[in-house]
Amino acid sequence: MADLCDYAAEESQRALDLALAEAKRKAARPAVDHPHCLECGEEIPEKRRALLPGVECCVYCQQLQESGRG
């Protein structure tokens, strides 16, 4: 039984390590300033771009993407 638990723990750790490596890779990329939404072309407000460096979508399109409808 301990072997199965050990295997599960190792797999969980491996998945966590991969997720952390991906997060570090993304964080290391320079933020590209997109003045217009890549989805609809509307202007992205300066305040949103300042708060979220590298943002690519307006609020509406971002909500659509996160909800799975975009």
PDB file of N, CA and C in Angstrom:
ATOM      1  N   MET A   1       0.817  -1.191   0.000  1.00  0.00           N
ATOM      2  CA  MET A   1       0.000   0.000   0.000  1.00  0.00           C
ATOM      3  C   MET A   1       0.864   1.260   0.000  1.00  0.00           C
ATOM      4  N   ALA A   2       1.965   1.216   0.732  1.00  0.00           N
ATOM      5  CA  ALA A   2       2.845   2.377   0.779  1.00  0.00           C
ATOM      6  C   ALA A   2       3.402   2.695  -0.605  1.00  0.00           C
ATOM      7  N   ASP A   3       3.626   1.689  -1.426  1.00  0.00           N
ATOM      8  CA  ASP A   3       4.158   1.916  -2.758  1.00  0.00           C
ATOM      9  C   ASP A   3       3.194   2.744  -3.603  1.00  0.00           C
ATOM     10  N   LEU A   4       1.919   2.454  -3.534  1.00  0.00           N
ATOM     11  CA  LEU A   4       0.914   3.193  -4.282  1.00  0.00           C
ATOM     12  C   LEU A   4       0.839   4.640  -3.804  1.00  0.00           C
ATOM     13  N   CYS A   5       0.910   4.842  -2.500  1.00  0.00           N
ATOM     14  CA  CYS A   5       0.904   6.197  -1.943  1.00  0.00           C
ATOM     15  C   CYS A   5       2.150   6.961  -2.358  1.00  0.00           C
ATOM     16  N   ASP A   6       3.292   6.285  -2.346  1.00  0.00           N
ATOM     17  CA  ASP A   6       4.537   6.921  -2.774  1.00  0.00           C
ATOM     18  C   ASP A   6       4.455   7.333  -4.238  1.00  0.00           C
ATOM     19  N   TYR A   7       3.915   6.465  -5.061  1.00  0.00           N
ATOM     20  CA  TYR A   7       3.764   6.756  -6.483  1.00  0.00           C
ATOM     21  C   TYR A   7       2.860   7.971  -6.692  1.00  0.00           C
ATOM     22  N   ALA A   8       1.754   8.015  -5.977  1.00  0.00           N
ATOM     23  CA  ALA A   8       0.820   9.138  -6.095  1.00  0.00           C
ATOM     24  C   ALA A   8       1.482  10.441  -5.651  1.00  0.00           C
ATOM     25  N   ALA A   9       2.239  10.393  -4.585  1.00  0.00           N
ATOM     26  CA  ALA A   9       2.935  11.587  -4.094  1.00  0.00           C
ATOM     27  C   ALA A   9       3.972  12.065  -5.107  1.00  0.00           C
ATOM     28  N   GLU A  10       4.692  11.134  -5.702  1.00  0.00           N
ATOM     29  CA  GLU A  10       5.689  11.494  -6.709  1.00  0.00           C
ATOM     30  C   GLU A  10       5.030  12.122  -7.937  1.00  0.00           C
ATOM     31  N   GLU A  11       3.920  11.567  -8.365  1.00  0.00           N
ATOM     32  CA  GLU A  11       3.198  12.123  -9.523  1.00  0.00           C
ATOM     33  C   GLU A  11       2.666  13.516  -9.218  1.00  0.00           C
ATOM     34  N   SER A  12       2.156  13.705  -8.013  1.00  0.00           N
ATOM     35  CA  SER A  12       1.670  15.021  -7.608  1.00  0.00           C
ATOM     36  C   SER A  12       2.802  16.033  -7.597  1.00  0.00           C
ATOM     37  N   GLN A  13       3.950  15.625  -7.073  1.00  0.00           N
ATOM     38  CA  GLN A  13       5.100  16.523  -7.027  1.00  0.00           C
ATOM     39  C   GLN A  13       5.583  16.850  -8.435  1.00  0.00           C
ATOM     40  N   ARG A  14       5.587  15.870  -9.312  1.00  0.00           N
ATOM     41  CA  ARG A  14       6.009  16.091 -10.697  1.00  0.00           C
ATOM     42  C   ARG A  14       5.082  17.095 -11.390  1.00  0.00           C
ATOM     43  N   ALA A  15       3.775  16.957 -11.181  1.00  0.00           N
ATOM     44  CA  ALA A  15       2.812  17.883 -11.777  1.00  0.00           C
ATOM     45  C   ALA A  15       3.004  19.297 -11.226  1.00  0.00           C
ATOM     46  N   LEU A  16       3.258  19.401  -9.932  1.00  0.00           N
ATOM     47  CA  LEU A  16       3.498  20.700  -9.311  1.00  0.00           C
ATOM     48  C   LEU A  16       4.769  21.330  -9.854  1.00  0.00           C
ATOM     49  N   ASP A  17       5.830  20.539  -9.981  1.00  0.00           N
ATOM     50  CA  ASP A  17       7.090  21.047 -10.532  1.00  0.00           C
ATOM     51  C   ASP A  17       6.905  21.574 -11.953  1.00  0.00           C
ATOM     52  N   LEU A  18       6.144  20.857 -12.768  1.00  0.00           N
ATOM     53  CA  LEU A  18       5.887  21.306 -14.137  1.00  0.00           C
ATOM     54  C   LEU A  18       5.093  22.611 -14.155  1.00  0.00           C
ATOM     55  N   ALA A  19       4.092  22.705 -13.304  1.00  0.00           N
ATOM     56  CA  ALA A  19       3.283  23.924 -13.238  1.00  0.00           C
ATOM     57  C   ALA A  19       4.123  25.117 -12.783  1.00  0.00           C
ATOM     58  N   LEU A  20       4.978  24.907 -11.804  1.00  0.00           N
ATOM     59  CA  LEU A  20       5.841  25.992 -11.330  1.00  0.00           C
ATOM     60  C   LEU A  20       6.853  26.402 -12.403  1.00  0.00           C
ATOM     61  N   ALA A  21       7.395  25.451 -13.118  1.00  0.00           N
ATOM     62  CA  ALA A  21       8.346  25.766 -14.185  1.00  0.00           C
ATOM     63  C   ALA A  21       7.666  26.580 -15.279  1.00  0.00           C
ATOM     64  N   GLU A  22       6.433  26.233 -15.619  1.00  0.00           N
ATOM     65  CA  GLU A  22       5.677  26.983 -16.635  1.00  0.00           C
ATOM     66  C   GLU A  22       5.394  28.393 -16.150  1.00  0.00           C
ATOM     67  N   ALA A  23       5.039  28.544 -14.881  1.00  0.00           N
ATOM     68  CA  ALA A  23       4.769  29.866 -14.321  1.00  0.00           C
ATOM     69  C   ALA A  23       6.035  30.727 -14.340  1.00  0.00           C
ATOM     70  N   LYS A  24       7.167  30.137 -14.009  1.00  0.00           N
ATOM     71  CA  LYS A  24       8.437  30.876 -14.047  1.00  0.00           C
ATOM     72  C   LYS A  24       8.779  31.280 -15.475  1.00  0.00           C
ATOM     73  N   ARG A  25       8.542  30.377 -16.423  1.00  0.00           N
ATOM     74  CA  ARG A  25       8.839  30.682 -17.825  1.00  0.00           C
ATOM     75  C   ARG A  25       7.996  31.846 -18.306  1.00  0.00           C
ATOM     76  N   LYS A  26       6.714  31.834 -17.954  1.00  0.00           N
ATOM     77  CA  LYS A  26       5.831  32.914 -18.369  1.00  0.00           C
ATOM     78  C   LYS A  26       6.214  34.234 -17.709  1.00  0.00           C
ATOM     79  N   ALA A  27       6.602  34.175 -16.449  1.00  0.00           N
ATOM     80  CA  ALA A  27       6.979  35.385 -15.722  1.00  0.00           C
ATOM     81  C   ALA A  27       8.261  35.988 -16.279  1.00  0.00           C
ATOM     82  N   ALA A  28       9.124  35.163 -16.847  1.00  0.00           N
ATOM     83  CA  ALA A  28      10.403  35.635 -17.369  1.00  0.00           C
ATOM     84  C   ALA A  28      10.257  36.342 -18.718  1.00  0.00           C
ATOM     85  N   ARG A  29       9.123  36.100 -19.401  1.00  0.00           N
ATOM     86  CA  ARG A  29       8.924  36.754 -20.694  1.00  0.00           C
ATOM     87  C   ARG A  29       8.683  38.240 -20.494  1.00  0.00           C
ATOM     88  N   PRO A  30       9.259  39.070 -21.355  1.00  0.00           N
ATOM     89  CA  PRO A  30       8.972  40.497 -21.236  1.00  0.00           C
ATOM     90  C   PRO A  30       7.512  40.771 -21.605  1.00  0.00           C
ATOM     91  N   ALA A  31       6.891  41.646 -20.861  1.00  0.00           N
ATOM     92  CA  ALA A  31       5.497  42.001 -21.131  1.00  0.00           C
ATOM     93  C   ALA A  31       5.440  42.871 -22.383  1.00  0.00           C
ATOM     94  N   VAL A  32       4.564  42.502 -23.295  1.00  0.00           N
ATOM     95  CA  VAL A  32       4.378  43.264 -24.522  1.00  0.00           C
ATOM     96  C   VAL A  32       3.147  44.134 -24.331  1.00  0.00           C
ATOM     97  N   ASP A  33       3.287  45.406 -24.622  1.00  0.00           N
ATOM     98  CA  ASP A  33       2.178  46.328 -24.442  1.00  0.00           C
ATOM     99  C   ASP A  33       1.285  46.304 -25.680  1.00  0.00           C
ATOM    100  N   HIS A  34       0.040  45.872 -25.488  1.00  0.00           N
ATOM    101  CA  HIS A  34      -0.935  45.844 -26.571  1.00  0.00           C
ATOM    102  C   HIS A  34      -1.952  46.953 -26.319  1.00  0.00           C
ATOM    103  N   PRO A  35      -1.912  48.028 -27.093  1.00  0.00           N
ATOM    104  CA  PRO A  35      -2.870  49.114 -26.862  1.00  0.00           C
ATOM    105  C   PRO A  35      -4.287  48.751 -27.291  1.00  0.00           C
ATOM    106  N   HIS A  36      -4.423  47.731 -28.130  1.00  0.00           N
ATOM    107  CA  HIS A  36      -5.745  47.320 -28.610  1.00  0.00           C
ATOM    108  C   HIS A  36      -5.950  45.824 -28.357  1.00  0.00           C
ATOM    109  N   CYS A  37      -7.176  45.449 -28.079  1.00  0.00           N
ATOM    110  CA  CYS A  37      -7.542  44.068 -27.820  1.00  0.00           C
ATOM    111  C   CYS A  37      -7.244  43.206 -29.044  1.00  0.00           C
ATOM    112  N   LEU A  38      -6.579  42.091 -28.835  1.00  0.00           N
ATOM    113  CA  LEU A  38      -6.246  41.197 -29.938  1.00  0.00           C
ATOM    114  C   LEU A  38      -7.469  40.443 -30.453  1.00  0.00           C
ATOM    115  N   GLU A  39      -8.552  40.418 -29.667  1.00  0.00           N
ATOM    116  CA  GLU A  39      -9.770  39.722 -30.081  1.00  0.00           C
ATOM    117  C   GLU A  39     -10.703  40.636 -30.882  1.00  0.00           C
ATOM    118  N   CYS A  40     -11.029  41.795 -30.313  1.00  0.00           N
ATOM    119  CA  CYS A  40     -12.047  42.652 -30.947  1.00  0.00           C
ATOM    120  C   CYS A  40     -11.497  43.945 -31.524  1.00  0.00           C
ATOM    121  N   GLY A  41     -10.266  44.306 -31.163  1.00  0.00           N
ATOM    122  CA  GLY A  41      -9.657  45.511 -31.705  1.00  0.00           C
ATOM    123  C   GLY A  41      -9.953  46.781 -30.921  1.00  0.00           C
ATOM    124  N   GLU A  42     -10.783  46.688 -29.889  1.00  0.00           N
ATOM    125  CA  GLU A  42     -11.084  47.869 -29.076  1.00  0.00           C
ATOM    126  C   GLU A  42      -9.846  48.280 -28.284  1.00  0.00           C
ATOM    127  N   GLU A  43      -9.767  49.564 -27.972  1.00  0.00           N
ATOM    128  CA  GLU A  43      -8.639  50.069 -27.198  1.00  0.00           C
ATOM    129  C   GLU A  43      -8.696  49.524 -25.771  1.00  0.00           C
ATOM    130  N   ILE A  44      -7.543  49.093 -25.256  1.00  0.00           N
ATOM    131  CA  ILE A  44      -7.439  48.644 -23.878  1.00  0.00           C
ATOM    132  C   ILE A  44      -7.060  49.872 -23.054  1.00  0.00           C
ATOM    133  N   PRO A  45      -7.862  50.215 -22.050  1.00  0.00           N
ATOM    134  CA  PRO A  45      -7.574  51.413 -21.257  1.00  0.00           C
ATOM    135  C   PRO A  45      -6.175  51.391 -20.641  1.00  0.00           C
ATOM    136  N   GLU A  46      -5.573  52.555 -20.581  1.00  0.00           N
ATOM    137  CA  GLU A  46      -4.223  52.714 -20.038  1.00  0.00           C
ATOM    138  C   GLU A  46      -4.117  52.142 -18.621  1.00  0.00           C
ATOM    139  N   LYS A  47      -5.138  52.382 -17.805  1.00  0.00           N
ATOM    140  CA  LYS A  47      -5.112  51.900 -16.427  1.00  0.00           C
ATOM    141  C   LYS A  47      -5.041  50.366 -16.382  1.00  0.00           C
ATOM    142  N   ARG A  48      -5.791  49.693 -17.252  1.00  0.00           N
ATOM    143  CA  ARG A  48      -5.770  48.226 -17.305  1.00  0.00           C
ATOM    144  C   ARG A  48      -4.394  47.739 -17.744  1.00  0.00           C
ATOM    145  N   ARG A  49      -3.817  48.408 -18.735  1.00  0.00           N
ATOM    146  CA  ARG A  49      -2.491  48.002 -19.218  1.00  0.00           C
ATOM    147  C   ARG A  49      -1.415  48.226 -18.161  1.00  0.00           C
ATOM    148  N   ALA A  50      -1.583  49.271 -17.337  1.00  0.00           N
ATOM    149  CA  ALA A  50      -0.610  49.540 -16.274  1.00  0.00           C
ATOM    150  C   ALA A  50      -0.713  48.507 -15.154  1.00  0.00           C
ATOM    151  N   LEU A  51      -1.933  48.109 -14.832  1.00  0.00           N
ATOM    152  CA  LEU A  51      -2.143  47.142 -13.757  1.00  0.00           C
ATOM    153  C   LEU A  51      -1.794  45.712 -14.171  1.00  0.00           C
ATOM    154  N   LEU A  52      -1.947  45.409 -15.455  1.00  0.00           N
ATOM    155  CA  LEU A  52      -1.713  44.057 -15.960  1.00  0.00           C
ATOM    156  C   LEU A  52      -0.736  44.097 -17.137  1.00  0.00           C
ATOM    157  N   PRO A  53       0.563  44.267 -16.868  1.00  0.00           N
ATOM    158  CA  PRO A  53       1.526  44.322 -17.964  1.00  0.00           C
ATOM    159  C   PRO A  53       1.416  43.088 -18.861  1.00  0.00           C
ATOM    160  N   GLY A  54       1.349  43.321 -20.152  1.00  0.00           N
ATOM    161  CA  GLY A  54       1.250  42.226 -21.105  1.00  0.00           C
ATOM    162  C   GLY A  54      -0.171  41.806 -21.422  1.00  0.00           C
ATOM    163  N   VAL A  55      -1.166  42.500 -20.847  1.00  0.00           N
ATOM    164  CA  VAL A  55      -2.556  42.144 -21.105  1.00  0.00           C
ATOM    165  C   VAL A  55      -2.831  42.255 -22.612  1.00  0.00           C
ATOM    166  N   GLU A  56      -3.588  41.317 -23.147  1.00  0.00           N
ATOM    167  CA  GLU A  56      -3.832  41.264 -24.588  1.00  0.00           C
ATOM    168  C   GLU A  56      -5.282  41.515 -24.965  1.00  0.00           C
ATOM    169  N   CYS A  57      -6.183  41.450 -23.983  1.00  0.00           N
ATOM    170  CA  CYS A  57      -7.611  41.563 -24.288  1.00  0.00           C
ATOM    171  C   CYS A  57      -8.278  42.615 -23.415  1.00  0.00           C
ATOM    172  N   CYS A  58      -9.364  43.168 -23.940  1.00  0.00           N
ATOM    173  CA  CYS A  58     -10.194  44.063 -23.154  1.00  0.00           C
ATOM    174  C   CYS A  58     -10.925  43.221 -22.098  1.00  0.00           C
ATOM    175  N   VAL A  59     -11.558  43.885 -21.167  1.00  0.00           N
ATOM    176  CA  VAL A  59     -12.238  43.183 -20.075  1.00  0.00           C
ATOM    177  C   VAL A  59     -13.294  42.233 -20.626  1.00  0.00           C
ATOM    178  N   TYR A  60     -14.096  42.700 -21.576  1.00  0.00           N
ATOM    179  CA  TYR A  60     -15.176  41.880 -22.121  1.00  0.00           C
ATOM    180  C   TYR A  60     -14.639  40.591 -22.755  1.00  0.00           C
ATOM    181  N   CYS A  61     -13.643  40.716 -23.618  1.00  0.00           N
ATOM    182  CA  CYS A  61     -13.089  39.539 -24.291  1.00  0.00           C
ATOM    183  C   CYS A  61     -12.383  38.615 -23.304  1.00  0.00           C
ATOM    184  N   GLN A  62     -11.729  39.176 -22.280  1.00  0.00           N
ATOM    185  CA  GLN A  62     -11.080  38.365 -21.257  1.00  0.00           C
ATOM    186  C   GLN A  62     -12.114  37.543 -20.503  1.00  0.00           C
ATOM    187  N   GLN A  63     -13.255  38.170 -20.184  1.00  0.00           N
ATOM    188  CA  GLN A  63     -14.327  37.445 -19.498  1.00  0.00           C
ATOM    189  C   GLN A  63     -14.862  36.315 -20.372  1.00  0.00           C
ATOM    190  N   LEU A  64     -15.001  36.561 -21.660  1.00  0.00           N
ATOM    191  CA  LEU A  64     -15.469  35.515 -22.565  1.00  0.00           C
ATOM    192  C   LEU A  64     -14.485  34.336 -22.601  1.00  0.00           C
ATOM    193  N   GLN A  65     -13.201  34.649 -22.672  1.00  0.00           N
ATOM    194  CA  GLN A  65     -12.182  33.596 -22.697  1.00  0.00           C
ATOM    195  C   GLN A  65     -12.202  32.774 -21.411  1.00  0.00           C
ATOM    196  N   GLU A  66     -12.292  33.455 -20.272  1.00  0.00           N
ATOM    197  CA  GLU A  66     -12.263  32.755 -18.998  1.00  0.00           C
ATOM    198  C   GLU A  66     -13.515  31.931 -18.753  1.00  0.00           C
ATOM    199  N   SER A  67     -14.621  32.332 -19.359  1.00  0.00           N
ATOM    200  CA  SER A  67     -15.856  31.582 -19.178  1.00  0.00           C
ATOM    201  C   SER A  67     -15.962  30.408 -20.165  1.00  0.00           C
ATOM    202  N   GLY A  68     -15.011  30.350 -21.099  1.00  0.00           N
ATOM    203  CA  GLY A  68     -15.008  29.266 -22.072  1.00  0.00           C
ATOM    204  C   GLY A  68     -15.867  29.553 -23.291  1.00  0.00           C
ATOM    205  N   ARG A  69     -16.390  30.757 -23.393  1.00  0.00           N
ATOM    206  CA  ARG A  69     -17.242  31.108 -24.543  1.00  0.00           C
ATOM    207  C   ARG A  69     -16.480  31.857 -25.607  1.00  0.00           C
ATOM    208  N   GLY A  70     -15.231  32.201 -25.323  1.00  0.00           N
ATOM    209  CA  GLY A  70     -14.469  33.007 -26.270  1.00  0.00           C
ATOM    210  C   GLY A  70     -13.485  32.242 -27.062  1.00  0.00           C
TER     211      GLY A  70
END
